[in-house]
């Protein structure tokens, strides 16, 4: 199966997977650094399964670095399927204070813009795959969903 993946990627019959942030959970802080557990959903739009050997992700909010993390957890992503992957990330006190100061001084009118950059290492794939996902955290929608 791995040979099929390599063959398909070299002929252009391999679509890049997608990575989405689905959950953030606070872990006990370590000094001036807050540790977070991120849950990412990886979707495979291909007819071949593949195994992720490693992942690096960084999240920027309002154009400022917010957090980053890595995982070497091996995850099998089925063909035309998805898998969840957890990784620990760090949030530096100085980065978060700078971001919160900027938000207070210049409140966004339509939510917070974010960018999730990920680098995937896939077993038997020669090069890392780099992905970017951009969007907006819209707090009005979140508040409406939490109120029955």
N, C-alpha and C. Protein backbone atom coordinates (compact mmCIF):
# COMPACT_ATOMS: atom_id res chain seq x y z
N UNK A 1 0.83 -1.19 0.00
CA UNK A 1 0.00 0.00 0.00
C UNK A 1 0.88 1.26 0.00
N UNK A 2 1.98 1.21 0.75
CA UNK A 2 2.86 2.38 0.79
C UNK A 2 3.48 2.65 -0.57
N UNK A 3 3.80 1.58 -1.32
CA UNK A 3 4.35 1.77 -2.65
C UNK A 3 3.33 2.43 -3.56
N UNK A 4 2.06 2.10 -3.39
CA UNK A 4 1.01 2.75 -4.17
C UNK A 4 0.97 4.24 -3.89
N UNK A 5 1.12 4.62 -2.63
CA UNK A 5 1.10 6.04 -2.27
C UNK A 5 2.26 6.77 -2.93
N UNK A 6 3.44 6.18 -2.86
CA UNK A 6 4.60 6.81 -3.49
C UNK A 6 4.40 6.91 -4.99
N UNK A 7 3.89 5.85 -5.62
CA UNK A 7 3.66 5.88 -7.06
C UNK A 7 2.64 6.92 -7.43
N UNK A 8 1.56 7.03 -6.68
CA UNK A 8 0.51 7.99 -7.01
C UNK A 8 0.98 9.42 -6.78
N UNK A 9 1.79 9.64 -5.74
CA UNK A 9 2.24 11.00 -5.48
C UNK A 9 3.20 11.45 -6.57
N UNK A 10 3.97 10.53 -7.12
CA UNK A 10 4.91 10.95 -8.16
C UNK A 10 4.20 11.20 -9.48
N UNK A 11 3.02 10.60 -9.70
CA UNK A 11 2.31 10.83 -10.95
C UNK A 11 1.27 11.94 -10.83
N UNK A 12 1.15 12.54 -9.67
CA UNK A 12 0.20 13.63 -9.51
C UNK A 12 -1.19 13.18 -9.10
N UNK A 13 -1.38 11.89 -8.82
CA UNK A 13 -2.70 11.38 -8.43
C UNK A 13 -2.84 11.33 -6.91
N UNK A 14 -2.29 12.32 -6.23
CA UNK A 14 -2.37 12.39 -4.77
C UNK A 14 -2.79 13.80 -4.39
N UNK A 15 -3.97 13.93 -3.79
CA UNK A 15 -4.42 15.22 -3.31
C UNK A 15 -3.98 15.40 -1.87
N UNK A 16 -3.53 16.59 -1.53
CA UNK A 16 -3.07 16.84 -0.17
C UNK A 16 -4.21 16.67 0.83
N UNK A 17 -3.89 16.10 1.98
CA UNK A 17 -4.91 15.99 3.02
C UNK A 17 -5.24 17.38 3.58
N UNK A 18 -6.29 17.45 4.38
CA UNK A 18 -6.61 18.70 5.07
C UNK A 18 -6.41 18.49 6.56
N UNK A 19 -6.06 19.57 7.25
CA UNK A 19 -5.87 19.54 8.70
C UNK A 19 -6.72 20.64 9.29
N UNK A 20 -7.54 20.28 10.28
CA UNK A 20 -8.39 21.27 10.95
C UNK A 20 -8.23 21.14 12.46
N UNK A 21 -8.21 22.27 13.12
CA UNK A 21 -8.17 22.32 14.58
C UNK A 21 -9.58 22.10 15.10
N UNK A 22 -9.77 21.06 15.92
CA UNK A 22 -11.11 20.77 16.42
C UNK A 22 -11.26 20.96 17.93
N UNK A 23 -10.14 21.02 18.67
CA UNK A 23 -10.26 21.20 20.11
C UNK A 23 -8.95 21.71 20.69
N UNK A 24 -9.08 22.54 21.73
CA UNK A 24 -7.92 23.00 22.50
C UNK A 24 -8.25 22.77 23.97
N UNK A 25 -7.35 22.09 24.67
CA UNK A 25 -7.56 21.79 26.09
C UNK A 25 -6.34 22.27 26.86
N UNK A 26 -6.58 23.00 27.95
CA UNK A 26 -5.48 23.51 28.78
C UNK A 26 -4.86 22.38 29.58
N UNK A 27 -3.54 22.37 29.64
CA UNK A 27 -2.77 21.44 30.47
C UNK A 27 -2.14 22.25 31.60
N UNK A 28 -1.61 21.61 32.63
CA UNK A 28 -0.97 22.37 33.71
C UNK A 28 0.15 23.25 33.17
N UNK A 29 0.22 24.51 33.62
CA UNK A 29 1.28 25.42 33.13
C UNK A 29 2.65 24.97 33.62
N UNK A 30 3.67 25.39 32.87
CA UNK A 30 5.05 25.12 33.23
C UNK A 30 5.81 26.43 33.24
N UNK A 31 6.00 27.01 34.41
CA UNK A 31 6.67 28.30 34.53
C UNK A 31 5.87 29.40 33.86
N UNK A 32 6.50 30.13 32.94
CA UNK A 32 5.82 31.20 32.22
C UNK A 32 5.21 30.72 30.90
N UNK A 33 5.03 29.44 30.80
CA UNK A 33 4.52 28.87 29.56
C UNK A 33 3.26 28.06 29.85
N UNK A 34 2.23 28.31 29.08
CA UNK A 34 1.00 27.52 29.18
C UNK A 34 1.08 26.39 28.17
N UNK A 35 0.84 25.18 28.62
CA UNK A 35 0.81 24.02 27.73
C UNK A 35 -0.63 23.72 27.35
N UNK A 36 -0.85 23.38 26.10
CA UNK A 36 -2.19 23.07 25.59
C UNK A 36 -2.14 21.77 24.82
N UNK A 37 -3.25 21.05 24.86
CA UNK A 37 -3.37 19.86 24.03
C UNK A 37 -4.30 20.20 22.88
N UNK A 38 -3.78 20.08 21.66
CA UNK A 38 -4.57 20.36 20.47
C UNK A 38 -5.05 19.05 19.88
N UNK A 39 -6.27 19.04 19.40
CA UNK A 39 -6.79 17.91 18.65
C UNK A 39 -7.02 18.38 17.22
N UNK A 40 -6.39 17.68 16.30
CA UNK A 40 -6.49 18.02 14.89
C UNK A 40 -7.20 16.89 14.15
N UNK A 41 -8.02 17.26 13.19
CA UNK A 41 -8.66 16.27 12.31
C UNK A 41 -7.92 16.30 10.98
N UNK A 42 -7.44 15.12 10.57
CA UNK A 42 -6.77 14.99 9.28
C UNK A 42 -7.70 14.21 8.36
N UNK A 43 -8.02 14.80 7.22
CA UNK A 43 -8.90 14.15 6.25
C UNK A 43 -8.10 13.77 5.01
N UNK A 44 -8.36 12.56 4.54
CA UNK A 44 -7.65 12.01 3.39
C UNK A 44 -8.60 11.93 2.19
N UNK A 45 -8.41 12.76 1.16
CA UNK A 45 -9.28 12.72 -0.01
C UNK A 45 -8.80 11.74 -1.10
N UNK A 46 -7.98 10.78 -0.71
CA UNK A 46 -7.38 9.86 -1.68
C UNK A 46 -7.89 8.43 -1.49
N UNK A 47 -7.68 7.62 -2.53
CA UNK A 47 -8.13 6.22 -2.44
C UNK A 47 -7.10 5.32 -1.77
N UNK A 48 -5.98 5.89 -1.33
CA UNK A 48 -4.97 5.13 -0.61
C UNK A 48 -4.87 5.66 0.83
N UNK A 49 -4.79 4.74 1.77
CA UNK A 49 -4.53 5.13 3.16
C UNK A 49 -3.07 5.57 3.26
N UNK A 50 -2.74 6.32 4.28
CA UNK A 50 -1.35 6.68 4.53
C UNK A 50 -1.14 6.82 6.04
N UNK A 51 0.12 6.78 6.44
CA UNK A 51 0.49 6.90 7.85
C UNK A 51 1.27 8.18 8.07
N UNK A 52 0.80 8.98 9.00
CA UNK A 52 1.53 10.19 9.38
C UNK A 52 2.56 9.79 10.42
N UNK A 53 3.82 10.14 10.17
CA UNK A 53 4.90 9.84 11.11
C UNK A 53 5.20 11.00 12.03
N UNK A 54 4.86 12.20 11.62
CA UNK A 54 5.12 13.37 12.44
C UNK A 54 4.35 14.56 11.93
N UNK A 55 4.12 15.51 12.84
CA UNK A 55 3.36 16.70 12.48
C UNK A 55 3.85 17.88 13.30
N UNK A 56 3.98 19.01 12.65
CA UNK A 56 4.28 20.29 13.32
C UNK A 56 3.17 21.24 12.93
N UNK A 57 2.60 21.93 13.90
CA UNK A 57 1.56 22.93 13.61
C UNK A 57 1.83 24.20 14.38
N UNK A 58 1.49 25.31 13.75
CA UNK A 58 1.57 26.60 14.42
C UNK A 58 0.31 27.38 14.11
N UNK A 59 -0.20 28.06 15.12
CA UNK A 59 -1.42 28.84 15.00
C UNK A 59 -1.09 30.30 15.24
N UNK A 60 -1.47 31.14 14.29
CA UNK A 60 -1.33 32.59 14.43
C UNK A 60 -2.73 33.17 14.56
N UNK A 61 -2.87 34.19 15.40
CA UNK A 61 -4.14 34.88 15.58
C UNK A 61 -3.88 36.36 15.36
N UNK A 62 -4.71 36.96 14.51
CA UNK A 62 -4.55 38.38 14.14
C UNK A 62 -3.14 38.66 13.62
N UNK A 63 -2.57 37.69 12.91
CA UNK A 63 -1.26 37.87 12.31
C UNK A 63 -0.10 37.70 13.27
N UNK A 64 -0.36 37.32 14.51
CA UNK A 64 0.70 37.16 15.50
C UNK A 64 0.83 35.69 15.88
N UNK A 65 2.07 35.20 16.02
CA UNK A 65 2.25 33.81 16.48
C UNK A 65 1.56 33.63 17.83
N UNK A 66 0.78 32.55 17.95
CA UNK A 66 0.03 32.31 19.17
C UNK A 66 0.50 31.05 19.87
N UNK A 67 0.57 29.94 19.15
CA UNK A 67 1.07 28.70 19.75
C UNK A 67 1.61 27.79 18.67
N UNK A 68 2.44 26.82 19.10
CA UNK A 68 2.96 25.82 18.17
C UNK A 68 3.23 24.54 18.92
N UNK A 69 3.22 23.43 18.17
CA UNK A 69 3.46 22.14 18.80
C UNK A 69 3.83 21.09 17.78
N UNK A 70 4.34 19.97 18.30
CA UNK A 70 4.77 18.86 17.47
C UNK A 70 4.25 17.55 18.04
N UNK A 71 4.21 16.55 17.16
CA UNK A 71 3.86 15.20 17.59
C UNK A 71 4.56 14.20 16.68
N UNK A 72 5.07 13.12 17.28
CA UNK A 72 5.63 12.03 16.50
C UNK A 72 4.75 10.79 16.62
N UNK A 73 3.50 11.01 17.02
CA UNK A 73 2.51 9.95 17.14
C UNK A 73 2.18 9.43 15.74
N UNK A 74 2.35 8.13 15.52
CA UNK A 74 2.01 7.54 14.23
C UNK A 74 0.50 7.39 14.11
N UNK A 75 -0.05 7.95 13.04
CA UNK A 75 -1.50 7.89 12.85
C UNK A 75 -1.80 7.41 11.44
N UNK A 76 -2.61 6.36 11.35
CA UNK A 76 -3.07 5.84 10.05
C UNK A 76 -4.33 6.60 9.65
N UNK A 77 -4.32 7.17 8.47
CA UNK A 77 -5.48 7.88 7.94
C UNK A 77 -6.06 7.02 6.81
N UNK A 78 -7.27 6.50 6.99
CA UNK A 78 -7.83 5.59 5.99
C UNK A 78 -8.15 6.31 4.68
N UNK A 79 -8.25 5.54 3.61
CA UNK A 79 -8.64 6.08 2.31
C UNK A 79 -10.02 6.72 2.43
N UNK A 80 -10.17 7.89 1.85
CA UNK A 80 -11.42 8.66 1.91
C UNK A 80 -11.98 8.69 3.33
N UNK A 81 -11.09 8.88 4.28
CA UNK A 81 -11.50 8.90 5.69
C UNK A 81 -10.77 9.98 6.45
N UNK A 82 -10.89 9.89 7.74
CA UNK A 82 -10.24 10.88 8.59
C UNK A 82 -9.75 10.22 9.87
N UNK A 83 -8.82 10.90 10.52
CA UNK A 83 -8.28 10.44 11.79
C UNK A 83 -8.02 11.67 12.66
N UNK A 84 -8.08 11.47 13.96
CA UNK A 84 -7.77 12.54 14.90
C UNK A 84 -6.33 12.36 15.39
N UNK A 85 -5.67 13.47 15.62
CA UNK A 85 -4.30 13.45 16.10
C UNK A 85 -4.17 14.49 17.19
N UNK A 86 -3.55 14.10 18.29
CA UNK A 86 -3.35 15.03 19.39
C UNK A 86 -1.88 15.42 19.47
N UNK A 87 -1.65 16.68 19.82
CA UNK A 87 -0.28 17.13 20.04
C UNK A 87 -0.27 18.16 21.13
N UNK A 88 0.84 18.23 21.82
CA UNK A 88 1.01 19.25 22.85
C UNK A 88 1.62 20.49 22.23
N UNK A 89 1.10 21.63 22.64
CA UNK A 89 1.58 22.90 22.10
C UNK A 89 1.90 23.83 23.26
N UNK A 90 2.74 24.80 22.98
CA UNK A 90 3.09 25.77 24.00
C UNK A 90 2.63 27.15 23.59
N UNK A 91 2.24 27.88 24.59
CA UNK A 91 1.78 29.26 24.42
C UNK A 91 2.63 30.10 25.36
N UNK A 92 3.46 30.95 24.79
CA UNK A 92 4.34 31.74 25.65
C UNK A 92 3.57 32.91 26.25
N UNK A 93 3.89 33.24 27.47
CA UNK A 93 3.24 34.33 28.18
C UNK A 93 3.40 35.64 27.42
N UNK A 94 4.60 35.92 26.92
CA UNK A 94 4.85 37.18 26.23
C UNK A 94 4.05 37.28 24.93
N UNK A 95 3.98 36.18 24.18
CA UNK A 95 3.21 36.19 22.93
C UNK A 95 1.74 36.45 23.21
N UNK A 96 1.20 35.79 24.22
CA UNK A 96 -0.23 35.96 24.50
C UNK A 96 -0.53 37.34 25.05
N UNK A 97 0.34 37.90 25.88
CA UNK A 97 0.11 39.26 26.39
C UNK A 97 0.13 40.28 25.25
N UNK A 98 1.06 40.12 24.34
CA UNK A 98 1.14 41.03 23.19
C UNK A 98 -0.13 40.94 22.34
N UNK A 99 -0.61 39.73 22.10
CA UNK A 99 -1.82 39.54 21.31
C UNK A 99 -3.03 40.16 22.01
N UNK A 100 -3.19 39.88 23.30
CA UNK A 100 -4.34 40.42 24.04
C UNK A 100 -4.29 41.94 24.13
N UNK A 101 -3.12 42.51 24.27
CA UNK A 101 -2.97 43.97 24.26
C UNK A 101 -3.45 44.54 22.93
N UNK A 102 -3.01 43.93 21.83
CA UNK A 102 -3.40 44.40 20.50
C UNK A 102 -4.91 44.28 20.29
N UNK A 103 -5.51 43.20 20.78
CA UNK A 103 -6.96 43.02 20.64
C UNK A 103 -7.71 44.07 21.44
N UNK A 104 -7.23 44.38 22.64
CA UNK A 104 -7.89 45.40 23.46
C UNK A 104 -7.75 46.80 22.85
N UNK A 105 -6.60 47.08 22.27
CA UNK A 105 -6.37 48.41 21.68
C UNK A 105 -7.10 48.56 20.35
N UNK A 106 -7.23 47.48 19.59
CA UNK A 106 -7.86 47.50 18.27
C UNK A 106 -8.82 46.32 18.17
N UNK A 107 -9.98 46.40 18.82
CA UNK A 107 -10.91 45.26 18.81
C UNK A 107 -11.38 44.94 17.39
N UNK A 108 -11.31 43.67 17.02
CA UNK A 108 -11.78 43.29 15.69
C UNK A 108 -13.30 43.36 15.63
N UNK A 109 -13.82 43.82 14.50
CA UNK A 109 -15.28 43.97 14.38
C UNK A 109 -15.97 42.69 13.93
N UNK A 110 -15.22 41.82 13.27
CA UNK A 110 -15.88 40.63 12.71
C UNK A 110 -15.24 39.33 13.18
N UNK A 111 -14.66 39.30 14.35
CA UNK A 111 -14.04 38.08 14.86
C UNK A 111 -12.53 38.14 14.75
N UNK A 112 -11.88 37.10 15.21
CA UNK A 112 -10.43 37.02 15.19
C UNK A 112 -9.97 36.18 14.00
N UNK A 113 -9.09 36.75 13.19
CA UNK A 113 -8.55 36.01 12.06
C UNK A 113 -7.47 35.05 12.55
N UNK A 114 -7.48 33.84 12.00
CA UNK A 114 -6.45 32.87 12.38
C UNK A 114 -5.86 32.23 11.14
N UNK A 115 -4.68 31.66 11.34
CA UNK A 115 -4.01 30.90 10.30
C UNK A 115 -3.35 29.70 10.96
N UNK A 116 -3.69 28.51 10.48
CA UNK A 116 -3.10 27.27 10.98
C UNK A 116 -2.17 26.73 9.90
N UNK A 117 -0.88 26.69 10.21
CA UNK A 117 0.11 26.13 9.29
C UNK A 117 0.56 24.79 9.84
N UNK A 118 0.55 23.79 9.00
CA UNK A 118 0.93 22.44 9.43
C UNK A 118 1.94 21.85 8.45
N UNK A 119 2.81 21.05 8.99
CA UNK A 119 3.80 20.31 8.20
C UNK A 119 3.64 18.84 8.56
N UNK A 120 3.29 18.01 7.58
CA UNK A 120 3.06 16.58 7.79
C UNK A 120 4.22 15.78 7.18
N UNK A 121 4.70 14.82 7.94
CA UNK A 121 5.65 13.83 7.41
C UNK A 121 4.88 12.53 7.24
N UNK A 122 4.78 12.06 6.01
CA UNK A 122 4.02 10.86 5.69
C UNK A 122 4.99 9.74 5.36
N UNK A 123 4.73 8.59 5.93
CA UNK A 123 5.59 7.42 5.72
C UNK A 123 5.72 7.11 4.23
N UNK A 124 6.95 6.88 3.80
CA UNK A 124 7.30 6.54 2.41
C UNK A 124 7.00 7.66 1.42
N UNK A 125 6.85 8.87 1.90
CA UNK A 125 6.67 10.03 1.03
C UNK A 125 7.93 10.87 1.16
N UNK A 126 8.56 11.19 0.07
CA UNK A 126 9.89 11.80 0.10
C UNK A 126 9.93 13.17 0.77
N UNK A 127 8.92 13.99 0.55
CA UNK A 127 8.95 15.35 1.08
C UNK A 127 7.81 15.59 2.05
N UNK A 128 8.05 16.49 2.98
CA UNK A 128 6.99 16.89 3.91
C UNK A 128 5.92 17.67 3.13
N UNK A 129 4.69 17.56 3.61
CA UNK A 129 3.57 18.29 3.01
C UNK A 129 3.26 19.48 3.90
N UNK A 130 3.22 20.66 3.32
CA UNK A 130 2.91 21.88 4.08
C UNK A 130 1.51 22.35 3.70
N UNK A 131 0.72 22.60 4.74
CA UNK A 131 -0.67 23.00 4.55
C UNK A 131 -0.97 24.28 5.30
N UNK A 132 -1.91 25.07 4.78
CA UNK A 132 -2.32 26.32 5.42
C UNK A 132 -3.84 26.37 5.43
N UNK A 133 -4.39 26.73 6.59
CA UNK A 133 -5.85 26.90 6.73
C UNK A 133 -6.07 28.26 7.39
N UNK A 134 -6.87 29.09 6.75
CA UNK A 134 -7.19 30.41 7.29
C UNK A 134 -8.67 30.52 7.56
N UNK A 135 -9.01 31.35 8.53
CA UNK A 135 -10.41 31.55 8.84
C UNK A 135 -10.59 32.61 9.90
N UNK A 136 -11.80 32.68 10.42
CA UNK A 136 -12.13 33.66 11.44
C UNK A 136 -12.87 32.98 12.58
N UNK A 137 -12.41 33.23 13.81
CA UNK A 137 -13.16 32.80 14.99
C UNK A 137 -14.26 33.84 15.18
N UNK A 138 -15.50 33.46 14.97
CA UNK A 138 -16.62 34.39 15.11
C UNK A 138 -17.31 34.12 16.44
N UNK A 139 -17.11 35.01 17.40
CA UNK A 139 -17.64 34.80 18.75
C UNK A 139 -19.15 34.92 18.81
N UNK A 140 -19.76 35.70 17.93
CA UNK A 140 -21.22 35.80 17.93
C UNK A 140 -21.86 34.44 17.63
N UNK A 141 -21.31 33.71 16.65
CA UNK A 141 -21.84 32.37 16.34
C UNK A 141 -21.64 31.42 17.50
N UNK A 142 -20.49 31.51 18.17
CA UNK A 142 -20.23 30.62 19.29
C UNK A 142 -21.19 30.90 20.44
N UNK A 143 -21.48 32.17 20.71
CA UNK A 143 -22.40 32.52 21.79
C UNK A 143 -23.81 32.06 21.47
N UNK A 144 -24.23 32.18 20.21
CA UNK A 144 -25.57 31.75 19.82
C UNK A 144 -25.73 30.24 19.96
N UNK A 145 -24.68 29.48 19.65
CA UNK A 145 -24.74 28.03 19.76
C UNK A 145 -24.79 27.58 21.22
N UNK A 146 -24.15 28.35 22.11
CA UNK A 146 -24.11 27.92 23.52
C UNK A 146 -25.39 28.27 24.25
N UNK A 147 -26.19 29.17 23.71
CA UNK A 147 -27.48 29.52 24.34
C UNK A 147 -28.60 28.73 23.68
N UNK A 148 -29.33 27.91 24.48
CA UNK A 148 -30.40 27.10 23.88
C UNK A 148 -31.57 27.92 23.40
